[in-house]
Amino acid sequence: MADAGSSRAAALEAAERRGRQLQRQVETLELALQAASGTQPPPPATLADETGDRWAFPPDLPEPFTPGGFERIVREVVRECDLGVELSEIDCSEYPCLAWVRSKDLEQTHVTPSACPAWRRAFSGDAPLVTYGRVGNPFGGRTERFHVWVVLPPTPVRNANQPFIDRGEERMKARWDAMHAGSAP
């Protein structure tokens, strides 16, 4: 009975993942149609094809959103601001970059860099910041609380960044699963 339940759960998860992929395709096509009709500016850089390739960084990104710029800013924020976190890792293997920070206190449930002057200097108030929180025993060790930060350039096109936010969330979940499977960073 448990195997049937596991199979159904796996099938449901695969269907939901495919649904999210299709939704991203629809949103991207809608943006392209709007841009072609002249009603909206063109969408952000073209997404990777659906083969699972890493998403390339758009060539015209402002410096704070590039791998080097993002890493410099995150390190500065952790160093200069008393957020109660330490930098765990930065993943700029594809667009957008993800910053993993570890809480020094398990009771600290939410950490956002947006109050930090170094962050505000680098990113305008309309740059979307997405934060995630995770608690668990990565690598089979002690219980820890992690926070993941993703920031994207602002865009006048409604929901244009949603595919990138979704992709960041997928990468964050995959990394979290790998951490719990014992894969070192």
Protein backbone atom coordinates (compact mmCIF):
# COMPACT_ATOMS: atom_id res chain seq x y z
CA MET A 1 0.00 0.00 0.00
CA ALA A 2 2.83 2.39 0.83
CA ASP A 3 4.37 1.75 -2.60
CA ALA A 4 1.13 2.75 -4.35
CA GLY A 5 0.97 5.92 -2.25
CA SER A 6 4.61 6.71 -3.01
CA SER A 7 4.02 6.14 -6.71
CA ARG A 8 1.01 8.43 -6.70
CA ALA A 9 2.93 11.11 -4.80
CA ALA A 10 5.84 10.85 -7.25
CA ALA A 11 3.48 11.05 -10.23
CA LEU A 12 1.71 14.04 -8.71
CA GLU A 13 5.02 15.80 -8.05
CA ALA A 14 6.16 15.14 -11.64
CA ALA A 15 2.86 16.47 -12.99
CA GLU A 16 3.10 19.59 -10.81
CA ARG A 17 6.68 20.19 -11.96
CA ARG A 18 5.64 19.83 -15.60
CA GLY A 19 2.69 22.16 -14.96
CA ARG A 20 5.09 24.81 -13.60
CA GLN A 21 7.32 24.38 -16.66
CA LEU A 22 4.35 24.81 -18.98
CA GLN A 23 3.15 27.84 -17.01
CA ARG A 24 6.59 29.44 -17.42
CA GLN A 25 6.47 28.74 -21.14
CA VAL A 26 3.01 30.33 -21.40
CA GLU A 27 4.13 33.41 -19.44
CA THR A 28 7.24 33.78 -21.60
CA LEU A 29 5.19 33.45 -24.79
CA GLU A 30 2.63 35.97 -23.51
CA LEU A 31 5.43 38.45 -22.80
CA ALA A 32 6.91 37.88 -26.24
CA LEU A 33 3.49 38.43 -27.83
CA GLN A 34 3.00 41.65 -25.86
CA ALA A 35 6.46 42.84 -26.88
CA ALA A 36 5.81 41.98 -30.53
CA SER A 37 2.55 43.90 -30.48
CA GLY A 38 4.31 46.90 -28.98
CA THR A 39 2.23 46.90 -25.79
CA GLN A 40 5.10 45.99 -23.45
CA PRO A 41 8.89 46.17 -23.53
CA PRO A 42 10.63 42.95 -24.57
CA PRO A 43 10.90 40.21 -21.92
CA PRO A 44 14.11 39.56 -19.97
CA ALA A 45 16.82 37.56 -21.73
CA THR A 46 15.65 34.38 -23.37
CA LEU A 47 15.27 31.46 -21.01
CA ALA A 48 17.21 28.25 -21.53
CA ASP A 49 15.40 25.75 -23.65
CA GLU A 50 13.42 23.04 -21.90
CA THR A 51 16.29 20.54 -22.03
CA GLY A 52 17.33 21.32 -18.48
CA ASP A 53 20.30 23.48 -19.45
CA ARG A 54 21.48 26.03 -16.92
CA TRP A 55 19.94 29.44 -17.41
CA ALA A 56 22.43 31.92 -18.83
CA PHE A 57 22.93 35.35 -17.33
CA PRO A 58 21.43 38.07 -19.54
CA PRO A 59 24.23 40.03 -21.23
CA ASP A 60 22.90 43.45 -20.21
CA LEU A 61 22.50 42.87 -16.47
CA PRO A 62 23.44 45.71 -14.13
CA GLU A 63 26.63 44.84 -12.23
CA PRO A 64 24.93 44.05 -8.87
CA PHE A 65 23.01 41.19 -10.53
CA THR A 66 26.08 39.58 -12.13
CA PRO A 67 27.84 36.71 -10.33
CA GLY A 68 30.78 38.88 -9.24
CA GLY A 69 28.62 41.81 -8.22
CA PHE A 70 26.12 39.68 -6.33
CA GLU A 71 28.83 37.81 -4.42
CA ARG A 72 30.61 41.06 -3.49
CA ILE A 73 27.38 42.61 -2.19
CA VAL A 74 26.30 39.55 -0.20
CA ARG A 75 29.72 39.27 1.45
CA GLU A 76 29.59 42.99 2.27
CA VAL A 77 26.09 42.68 3.77
CA VAL A 78 27.05 39.71 5.96
CA ARG A 79 30.25 41.47 7.07
CA GLU A 80 28.83 44.96 7.69
CA CYS A 81 25.31 44.34 8.96
CA ASP A 82 24.41 42.62 12.19
CA LEU A 83 21.90 40.19 10.71
CA GLY A 84 22.90 37.28 12.94
CA VAL A 85 23.94 35.12 10.00
CA GLU A 86 27.07 33.71 8.44
CA LEU A 87 27.56 33.11 4.74
CA SER A 88 27.23 29.45 3.85
CA GLU A 89 27.49 29.53 0.06
CA ILE A 90 26.70 31.53 -3.04
CA ASP A 91 25.39 29.72 -6.09
CA CYS A 92 25.87 31.64 -9.32
CA SER A 93 26.08 28.51 -11.45
CA GLU A 94 23.15 29.95 -13.42
CA TYR A 95 20.80 32.92 -13.41
CA PRO A 96 19.67 34.08 -10.91
CA CYS A 97 22.30 33.81 -8.16
CA LEU A 98 21.28 32.35 -4.80
CA ALA A 99 22.90 33.29 -1.48
CA TRP A 100 22.67 30.78 1.38
CA VAL A 101 23.18 32.20 4.86
CA ARG A 102 23.02 30.28 8.14
CA SER A 103 21.38 31.76 11.24
CA LYS A 104 23.54 31.89 14.33
CA ASP A 105 20.32 31.53 16.37
CA LEU A 106 17.72 28.86 15.54
CA GLU A 107 14.96 31.14 16.82
CA GLN A 108 15.69 33.65 14.06
CA THR A 109 12.92 32.72 11.65
CA HIS A 110 13.29 35.41 8.99
CA VAL A 111 16.35 37.29 7.77
CA THR A 112 16.20 39.88 5.03
CA PRO A 113 19.15 41.94 3.84
CA SER A 114 16.94 44.81 2.65
CA ALA A 115 17.39 46.85 5.85
CA CYS A 116 21.17 46.80 5.44
CA PRO A 117 22.71 49.99 3.96
CA ALA A 118 25.09 47.95 1.79
CA TRP A 119 22.11 46.15 0.23
CA ARG A 120 20.15 49.39 -0.29
CA ARG A 121 23.17 51.02 -1.94
CA ALA A 122 23.39 48.16 -4.44
CA PHE A 123 19.73 47.46 -5.17
CA SER A 124 16.93 49.92 -5.72
CA GLY A 125 13.78 49.60 -3.65
CA ASP A 126 11.91 48.13 -6.60
CA ALA A 127 14.34 45.23 -7.18
CA PRO A 128 12.36 42.12 -6.23
CA LEU A 129 13.92 40.25 -3.31
CA VAL A 130 12.74 36.71 -2.62
CA THR A 131 13.72 35.02 0.63
CA TYR A 132 13.29 31.41 1.67
CA GLY A 133 13.86 29.76 5.02
CA ARG A 134 14.72 26.15 5.78
CA VAL A 135 15.35 24.28 9.03
CA GLY A 136 16.86 20.82 9.16
CA ASN A 137 19.87 18.64 9.74
CA PRO A 138 22.01 19.07 6.64
CA PHE A 139 24.81 16.59 6.13
CA GLY A 140 23.48 14.59 9.09
CA GLY A 141 24.71 17.19 11.57
CA ARG A 142 23.04 19.45 14.08
CA THR A 143 19.79 21.28 13.40
CA GLU A 144 20.41 24.50 11.50
CA ARG A 145 18.32 27.31 10.01
CA PHE A 146 19.23 28.54 6.55
CA HIS A 147 17.93 31.53 4.61
CA VAL A 148 18.22 31.87 0.85
CA TRP A 149 18.22 35.25 -0.89
CA VAL A 150 17.42 35.81 -4.56
CA VAL A 151 17.26 39.28 -6.08
CA LEU A 152 16.27 40.22 -9.62
CA PRO A 153 16.38 43.42 -11.64
CA PRO A 154 13.12 45.36 -11.60
CA THR A 155 11.06 45.18 -14.76
CA PRO A 156 8.02 47.14 -15.92
CA VAL A 157 6.51 43.94 -17.35
CA ARG A 158 4.04 42.39 -14.91
CA ASN A 159 5.21 38.95 -13.69
CA ALA A 160 8.22 38.98 -16.02
CA ASN A 161 10.51 37.76 -13.23
CA GLN A 162 8.25 34.92 -12.13
CA PRO A 163 10.01 32.25 -14.24
CA PHE A 164 13.32 33.26 -12.64
CA ILE A 165 11.82 33.17 -9.16
CA ASP A 166 10.38 29.73 -9.86
CA ARG A 167 13.73 28.50 -11.18
CA GLY A 168 15.50 29.86 -8.10
CA GLU A 169 13.04 28.01 -5.89
CA GLU A 170 13.60 24.76 -7.80
CA ARG A 171 17.37 25.13 -7.41
CA MET A 172 17.00 25.95 -3.73
CA LYS A 173 14.87 22.84 -3.12
CA ALA A 174 17.28 20.63 -5.08
CA ARG A 175 20.24 21.94 -3.06
CA TRP A 176 18.36 21.42 0.19
CA ASP A 177 17.61 17.82 -0.81
CA ALA A 178 21.27 17.27 -1.69
CA MET A 179 22.34 18.70 1.67
CA HIS A 180 20.12 16.22 3.45
CA ALA A 181 21.39 13.39 1.30
CA GLY A 182 24.89 14.22 2.56
CA SER A 183 26.31 15.98 -0.51
CA ALA A 184 28.88 18.50 0.68
CA PRO A 185 28.69 22.03 -0.78
